[in-house]
């Protein structure tokens, strides 16, 4: 039987009651036994537990980590406005520039003579 998350749990409970669901205190809980009584509804076809946004930690069927995959997908976490390729490119160019600078300053600009790889 489902647990439901809604921004307006009281409105959802009222809609369910108006549709003929038995909700609230004193309604027997056959499956959703851990559901708070004031958030519980029983229908002819099953049971529902209605949670508000601030009650998500109380849920038993969905963990916060499972919910986070949809609320905070990895694509959004790893990329800030799609800047990853730009940052990678900038770091790459800085590395090339520093490599050229250190290659010539550390070898006194005489790199070819020290490491001559041409055939003799």
N, C-alpha and C. Protein backbone atom coordinates (compact mmCIF):
# COMPACT_ATOMS: atom_id res chain seq x y z
N UNK A 1 0.84 -1.17 0.00
CA UNK A 1 0.00 0.00 0.00
C UNK A 1 0.89 1.24 0.00
N UNK A 2 0.46 2.29 -0.66
CA UNK A 2 1.37 3.43 -0.87
C UNK A 2 1.42 4.45 0.25
N UNK A 3 2.61 5.03 0.33
CA UNK A 3 2.81 6.25 1.11
C UNK A 3 2.86 7.38 0.08
N UNK A 4 2.19 8.48 0.36
CA UNK A 4 2.13 9.60 -0.56
C UNK A 4 2.76 10.83 0.06
N UNK A 5 3.49 11.59 -0.74
CA UNK A 5 4.06 12.86 -0.30
C UNK A 5 3.27 13.96 -1.00
N UNK A 6 2.86 14.94 -0.24
CA UNK A 6 2.15 16.07 -0.83
C UNK A 6 2.50 17.35 -0.09
N UNK A 7 2.43 18.45 -0.79
CA UNK A 7 2.67 19.75 -0.17
C UNK A 7 1.49 20.12 0.72
N UNK A 8 0.32 19.56 0.43
CA UNK A 8 -0.90 19.89 1.18
C UNK A 8 -1.57 18.62 1.70
N UNK A 9 -1.02 18.00 2.76
CA UNK A 9 -1.58 16.74 3.26
C UNK A 9 -3.01 16.87 3.78
N UNK A 10 -3.34 17.99 4.40
CA UNK A 10 -4.70 18.16 4.93
C UNK A 10 -5.73 18.21 3.82
N UNK A 11 -5.38 18.86 2.73
CA UNK A 11 -6.29 18.93 1.58
C UNK A 11 -6.45 17.54 0.97
N UNK A 12 -5.36 16.80 0.85
CA UNK A 12 -5.41 15.45 0.29
C UNK A 12 -6.27 14.54 1.16
N UNK A 13 -6.11 14.64 2.48
CA UNK A 13 -6.93 13.83 3.39
C UNK A 13 -8.41 14.19 3.26
N UNK A 14 -8.72 15.47 3.09
CA UNK A 14 -10.12 15.89 2.93
C UNK A 14 -10.69 15.32 1.63
N UNK A 15 -9.91 15.38 0.56
CA UNK A 15 -10.37 14.83 -0.73
C UNK A 15 -10.65 13.33 -0.60
N UNK A 16 -9.75 12.62 0.07
CA UNK A 16 -9.95 11.17 0.27
C UNK A 16 -11.20 10.89 1.12
N UNK A 17 -11.38 11.66 2.18
CA UNK A 17 -12.57 11.50 3.03
C UNK A 17 -13.85 11.76 2.23
N UNK A 18 -13.83 12.84 1.43
CA UNK A 18 -15.00 13.18 0.62
C UNK A 18 -15.30 12.12 -0.44
N UNK A 19 -14.26 11.36 -0.82
CA UNK A 19 -14.44 10.29 -1.80
C UNK A 19 -14.84 8.97 -1.14
N UNK A 20 -15.03 8.98 0.19
CA UNK A 20 -15.51 7.79 0.88
C UNK A 20 -14.47 7.01 1.65
N UNK A 21 -13.24 7.52 1.74
CA UNK A 21 -12.20 6.83 2.50
C UNK A 21 -12.42 7.06 3.99
N UNK A 22 -12.10 6.07 4.79
CA UNK A 22 -12.12 6.21 6.25
C UNK A 22 -10.74 6.66 6.67
N UNK A 23 -10.65 7.84 7.24
CA UNK A 23 -9.34 8.42 7.59
C UNK A 23 -9.29 8.83 9.05
N UNK A 24 -8.09 8.81 9.62
CA UNK A 24 -7.86 9.35 10.95
C UNK A 24 -7.89 8.34 12.07
N UNK A 25 -8.02 8.86 13.27
CA UNK A 25 -7.99 8.07 14.50
C UNK A 25 -9.07 6.99 14.49
N UNK A 26 -8.73 5.82 14.99
CA UNK A 26 -9.70 4.74 15.16
C UNK A 26 -9.91 3.86 13.94
N UNK A 27 -9.34 4.22 12.83
CA UNK A 27 -9.48 3.39 11.62
C UNK A 27 -8.44 2.27 11.71
N UNK A 28 -8.87 0.99 11.57
CA UNK A 28 -7.90 -0.11 11.69
C UNK A 28 -6.86 -0.10 10.58
N UNK A 29 -5.60 -0.26 10.98
CA UNK A 29 -4.47 -0.27 10.04
C UNK A 29 -4.01 -1.71 9.88
N UNK A 30 -4.27 -2.29 8.71
CA UNK A 30 -3.92 -3.69 8.48
C UNK A 30 -2.51 -3.84 7.90
N UNK A 31 -2.14 -2.94 7.03
CA UNK A 31 -0.83 -3.05 6.35
C UNK A 31 0.10 -1.92 6.79
N UNK A 32 -0.34 -0.70 6.69
CA UNK A 32 0.49 0.47 7.02
C UNK A 32 0.42 0.76 8.52
N UNK A 33 0.94 -0.15 9.30
CA UNK A 33 0.84 -0.06 10.77
C UNK A 33 1.70 1.05 11.36
N UNK A 34 2.76 1.48 10.65
CA UNK A 34 3.63 2.53 11.18
C UNK A 34 3.18 3.93 10.76
N UNK A 35 2.14 4.00 9.97
CA UNK A 35 1.62 5.30 9.53
C UNK A 35 0.98 6.02 10.72
N UNK A 36 1.29 7.32 10.91
CA UNK A 36 0.63 8.06 11.98
C UNK A 36 -0.90 8.03 11.75
N UNK A 37 -1.65 7.79 12.80
CA UNK A 37 -3.11 7.61 12.68
C UNK A 37 -3.79 8.80 12.01
N UNK A 38 -3.30 10.02 12.28
CA UNK A 38 -3.93 11.20 11.68
C UNK A 38 -3.60 11.37 10.20
N UNK A 39 -2.68 10.55 9.67
CA UNK A 39 -2.30 10.60 8.25
C UNK A 39 -2.75 9.35 7.49
N UNK A 40 -3.50 8.51 8.14
CA UNK A 40 -3.89 7.21 7.58
C UNK A 40 -5.30 7.26 6.99
N UNK A 41 -5.45 6.61 5.82
CA UNK A 41 -6.76 6.45 5.19
C UNK A 41 -6.91 5.01 4.71
N UNK A 42 -8.11 4.49 4.88
CA UNK A 42 -8.41 3.14 4.41
C UNK A 42 -9.53 3.24 3.37
N UNK A 43 -9.29 2.66 2.23
CA UNK A 43 -10.28 2.61 1.16
C UNK A 43 -10.70 1.16 0.95
N UNK A 44 -11.72 0.97 0.17
CA UNK A 44 -12.20 -0.37 -0.13
C UNK A 44 -11.10 -1.20 -0.81
N UNK A 45 -10.25 -0.55 -1.59
CA UNK A 45 -9.22 -1.27 -2.36
C UNK A 45 -7.84 -1.24 -1.72
N UNK A 46 -7.68 -0.59 -0.58
CA UNK A 46 -6.37 -0.56 0.06
C UNK A 46 -6.21 0.57 1.05
N UNK A 47 -4.99 0.77 1.47
CA UNK A 47 -4.66 1.79 2.48
C UNK A 47 -3.69 2.82 1.90
N UNK A 48 -3.73 4.01 2.46
CA UNK A 48 -2.81 5.07 2.06
C UNK A 48 -2.33 5.81 3.30
N UNK A 49 -1.10 6.26 3.23
CA UNK A 49 -0.53 7.10 4.28
C UNK A 49 -0.09 8.39 3.61
N UNK A 50 -0.63 9.50 4.06
CA UNK A 50 -0.39 10.80 3.42
C UNK A 50 0.60 11.61 4.27
N UNK A 51 1.75 11.92 3.69
CA UNK A 51 2.79 12.67 4.39
C UNK A 51 2.94 14.06 3.78
N UNK A 52 3.20 15.04 4.63
CA UNK A 52 3.55 16.38 4.17
C UNK A 52 5.06 16.44 3.93
N UNK A 53 5.50 17.52 3.33
CA UNK A 53 6.92 17.67 2.99
C UNK A 53 7.81 17.57 4.23
N UNK A 54 7.36 18.13 5.35
CA UNK A 54 8.17 18.11 6.56
C UNK A 54 8.14 16.76 7.27
N UNK A 55 7.32 15.83 6.78
CA UNK A 55 7.22 14.51 7.39
C UNK A 55 7.97 13.42 6.61
N UNK A 56 8.70 13.80 5.59
CA UNK A 56 9.43 12.83 4.76
C UNK A 56 10.33 11.92 5.59
N UNK A 57 11.04 12.42 6.62
CA UNK A 57 11.88 11.52 7.42
C UNK A 57 11.11 10.41 8.14
N UNK A 58 9.81 10.58 8.33
CA UNK A 58 9.00 9.57 9.01
C UNK A 58 8.58 8.44 8.07
N UNK A 59 8.75 8.61 6.77
CA UNK A 59 8.29 7.60 5.81
C UNK A 59 9.09 6.31 5.97
N UNK A 60 8.43 5.19 5.68
CA UNK A 60 9.09 3.89 5.82
C UNK A 60 9.35 3.20 4.49
N UNK A 61 8.64 3.58 3.43
CA UNK A 61 8.79 2.91 2.15
C UNK A 61 9.84 3.57 1.25
N UNK A 62 10.07 4.85 1.48
CA UNK A 62 11.04 5.60 0.67
C UNK A 62 12.05 6.23 1.62
N UNK A 63 13.34 6.00 1.36
CA UNK A 63 14.36 6.62 2.20
C UNK A 63 14.70 8.00 1.64
N UNK A 64 15.34 8.81 2.44
CA UNK A 64 15.76 10.14 1.98
C UNK A 64 16.76 10.03 0.83
N UNK A 65 17.62 9.02 0.87
CA UNK A 65 18.59 8.84 -0.22
C UNK A 65 17.90 8.50 -1.53
N UNK A 66 16.89 7.65 -1.48
CA UNK A 66 16.14 7.31 -2.69
C UNK A 66 15.45 8.55 -3.25
N UNK A 67 14.88 9.34 -2.39
CA UNK A 67 14.19 10.55 -2.82
C UNK A 67 15.19 11.58 -3.36
N UNK A 68 16.36 11.65 -2.78
CA UNK A 68 17.38 12.61 -3.22
C UNK A 68 17.81 12.36 -4.65
N UNK A 69 17.78 11.11 -5.11
CA UNK A 69 18.15 10.82 -6.50
C UNK A 69 17.26 11.56 -7.49
N UNK A 70 16.03 11.84 -7.10
CA UNK A 70 15.11 12.52 -8.00
C UNK A 70 15.05 14.01 -7.72
N UNK A 71 15.25 14.39 -6.49
CA UNK A 71 15.21 15.80 -6.13
C UNK A 71 16.52 16.49 -6.48
N UNK A 72 17.64 15.79 -6.31
CA UNK A 72 18.97 16.33 -6.58
C UNK A 72 19.74 15.36 -7.48
N UNK A 73 19.39 15.26 -8.76
CA UNK A 73 20.09 14.31 -9.62
C UNK A 73 21.58 14.62 -9.72
N UNK A 74 22.39 13.60 -9.96
CA UNK A 74 23.84 13.75 -10.02
C UNK A 74 24.26 14.75 -11.09
N UNK A 75 23.53 14.80 -12.18
CA UNK A 75 23.88 15.73 -13.25
C UNK A 75 23.86 17.16 -12.75
N UNK A 76 22.92 17.49 -11.87
CA UNK A 76 22.86 18.84 -11.32
C UNK A 76 23.90 19.04 -10.24
N UNK A 77 24.25 18.01 -9.51
CA UNK A 77 25.23 18.14 -8.44
C UNK A 77 26.64 18.32 -9.00
N UNK A 78 26.96 17.61 -10.09
CA UNK A 78 28.33 17.62 -10.58
C UNK A 78 28.62 18.79 -11.51
N UNK A 79 27.60 19.43 -12.02
CA UNK A 79 27.82 20.50 -12.97
C UNK A 79 27.05 21.74 -12.55
N UNK A 80 27.77 22.82 -12.37
CA UNK A 80 27.13 24.08 -12.02
C UNK A 80 26.95 24.86 -13.32
N UNK A 81 25.74 24.93 -13.77
CA UNK A 81 25.39 25.63 -15.01
C UNK A 81 26.18 25.12 -16.21
N UNK A 82 26.58 23.87 -16.20
CA UNK A 82 27.30 23.29 -17.32
C UNK A 82 28.71 23.82 -17.47
N UNK A 83 29.32 24.27 -16.40
CA UNK A 83 30.66 24.86 -16.46
C UNK A 83 31.78 23.84 -16.43
N UNK A 84 31.48 22.57 -16.21
CA UNK A 84 32.54 21.57 -16.13
C UNK A 84 33.46 21.56 -17.35
N UNK A 85 32.93 21.56 -18.59
CA UNK A 85 33.84 21.57 -19.75
C UNK A 85 34.69 22.83 -19.82
N UNK A 86 34.14 23.96 -19.41
CA UNK A 86 34.89 25.21 -19.45
C UNK A 86 36.03 25.17 -18.42
N UNK A 87 35.73 24.68 -17.22
CA UNK A 87 36.74 24.58 -16.17
C UNK A 87 37.83 23.60 -16.60
N UNK A 88 37.43 22.46 -17.17
CA UNK A 88 38.41 21.48 -17.64
C UNK A 88 39.31 22.10 -18.70
N UNK A 89 38.73 22.83 -19.64
CA UNK A 89 39.52 23.48 -20.70
C UNK A 89 40.49 24.50 -20.14
N UNK A 90 40.03 25.29 -19.18
CA UNK A 90 40.89 26.31 -18.58
C UNK A 90 42.07 25.67 -17.85
N UNK A 91 41.80 24.62 -17.09
CA UNK A 91 42.87 23.92 -16.37
C UNK A 91 43.86 23.31 -17.36
N UNK A 92 43.36 22.75 -18.45
CA UNK A 92 44.21 22.16 -19.47
C UNK A 92 45.14 23.21 -20.09
N UNK A 93 44.58 24.37 -20.43
CA UNK A 93 45.39 25.45 -21.03
C UNK A 93 46.43 25.99 -20.05
N UNK A 94 46.06 26.13 -18.79
CA UNK A 94 47.02 26.58 -17.78
C UNK A 94 48.15 25.55 -17.65
N UNK A 95 47.80 24.27 -17.68
CA UNK A 95 48.82 23.22 -17.61
C UNK A 95 49.77 23.26 -18.80
N UNK A 96 49.23 23.46 -19.98
CA UNK A 96 50.10 23.56 -21.17
C UNK A 96 51.04 24.76 -21.06
N UNK A 97 50.49 25.89 -20.66
CA UNK A 97 51.30 27.10 -20.53
C UNK A 97 52.40 26.93 -19.49
N UNK A 98 52.05 26.38 -18.35
CA UNK A 98 53.05 26.17 -17.30
C UNK A 98 54.10 25.15 -17.75
N UNK A 99 53.68 24.12 -18.44
CA UNK A 99 54.62 23.12 -18.94
C UNK A 99 55.64 23.73 -19.89
N UNK A 100 55.18 24.56 -20.80
CA UNK A 100 56.11 25.21 -21.73
C UNK A 100 57.06 26.14 -20.99
N UNK A 101 56.51 26.91 -20.04
CA UNK A 101 57.32 27.86 -19.29
C UNK A 101 58.42 27.14 -18.52
N UNK A 102 58.05 26.09 -17.77
CA UNK A 102 59.04 25.38 -16.96
C UNK A 102 60.02 24.60 -17.82
N UNK A 103 59.57 24.11 -18.95
CA UNK A 103 60.46 23.35 -19.83
C UNK A 103 61.61 24.23 -20.31
N UNK A 104 61.30 25.46 -20.69
CA UNK A 104 62.35 26.32 -21.22
C UNK A 104 63.15 27.03 -20.13
N UNK A 105 62.55 27.37 -19.03
CA UNK A 105 63.31 28.06 -17.98
C UNK A 105 64.20 27.09 -17.22
N UNK A 106 63.74 25.89 -16.99
CA UNK A 106 64.54 24.94 -16.24
C UNK A 106 65.68 24.37 -17.08
N UNK A 107 65.50 24.36 -18.36
CA UNK A 107 66.55 23.84 -19.24
C UNK A 107 67.33 24.97 -19.89
N UNK A 108 67.16 26.20 -19.39
CA UNK A 108 67.85 27.38 -19.91
C UNK A 108 67.61 27.56 -21.40
N UNK A 109 66.47 27.16 -21.89
CA UNK A 109 66.15 27.33 -23.30
C UNK A 109 66.96 26.43 -24.20
N UNK A 110 67.72 25.54 -23.63
CA UNK A 110 68.62 24.70 -24.41
C UNK A 110 68.09 23.26 -24.42
N UNK A 111 66.81 23.10 -24.54
CA UNK A 111 66.17 21.79 -24.45
C UNK A 111 66.62 20.85 -25.56
N UNK A 112 66.76 21.38 -26.78
CA UNK A 112 67.12 20.51 -27.92
C UNK A 112 68.52 19.92 -27.76
N UNK A 113 69.46 20.69 -27.26
CA UNK A 113 70.81 20.19 -27.13
C UNK A 113 70.92 19.12 -26.03
N UNK A 114 70.16 19.30 -24.94
CA UNK A 114 70.22 18.34 -23.84
C UNK A 114 69.53 17.04 -24.17
N UNK A 115 68.45 17.11 -24.91
CA UNK A 115 67.66 15.93 -25.23
C UNK A 115 67.48 15.78 -26.72
N UNK A 116 68.54 15.70 -27.42
CA UNK A 116 68.46 15.59 -28.88
C UNK A 116 68.01 14.18 -29.26
N UNK A 117 66.83 14.09 -29.83
CA UNK A 117 66.26 12.80 -30.20
C UNK A 117 66.37 12.54 -31.69
N UNK A 118 67.03 13.46 -32.41
CA UNK A 118 67.18 13.25 -33.86
C UNK A 118 68.26 12.22 -34.12
N UNK A 119 68.17 11.55 -35.23
CA UNK A 119 69.17 10.53 -35.57
C UNK A 119 70.46 11.20 -35.97
N UNK A 120 71.55 10.56 -35.64
CA UNK A 120 72.86 11.14 -35.96
C UNK A 120 73.52 10.36 -37.05
